[in-house]
Amino acid sequence: MLGLQLGQRAAQRLGLVGAHPLDEVHQGGLPVPEPIAACYLRAGPFYRAGILVQRLEGVTSLADLVSADGAAAPWEEAGELVARCHRGGLDHVDLNAHNILFETDGRGWVIDLDRCRRRLPQTGWRMRNLARLERSLRKLGGSARPDVQAGIERLQAAYHARWDKGY
């Protein structure tokens, strides 16, 4: 539990005692790096905080995979991964193609969860997450690259299919 590395009062103020979204989603089996330690530094009315997480070896971002070969990128796997996280209530407000990683065996991860929240899985925030991801994919050349546009459609179809299954 993250609160042990900080001091209970500071950890509670930061929401790091058993209730931090990263700790919760990892314990819930979602594909996020394991939190290892946390720190909190106070300077007058201000503070700085950080969380150390498990290092993921041999991973490649969805952005890099799309840039290398858009047609062969793991579009369906990315859509299913995001749906799985959303089912678990993970609102990733900075979801983009650089924050979705894949190992060579196809296992996916979601990273950069410093501003994430646990929420009831409602349509509004889920669609905002997906729209942000789509914008980041389009920045990789989506309008000029038909493979990226087709890939986005594959990602969305896989997302909705996984979401509709209910797990």
Foldseek 3Di string as FASTA:
>chain_A
DACVQEPNVVCVVVCNDCRPVQCVVVVVVAFAFAWDYKYWADDPPDIDIDTDTDDDPQKDFLLVVCLVPLLPGPLLLLLLSLLVCLLQQKQQQQQERRQWIAHPVGDIHGDDRPPIDGDHNDDPSSVNNLVNHLVRLVVSVCVPDVSSVVSSVSSNVSNVVNNVVSD
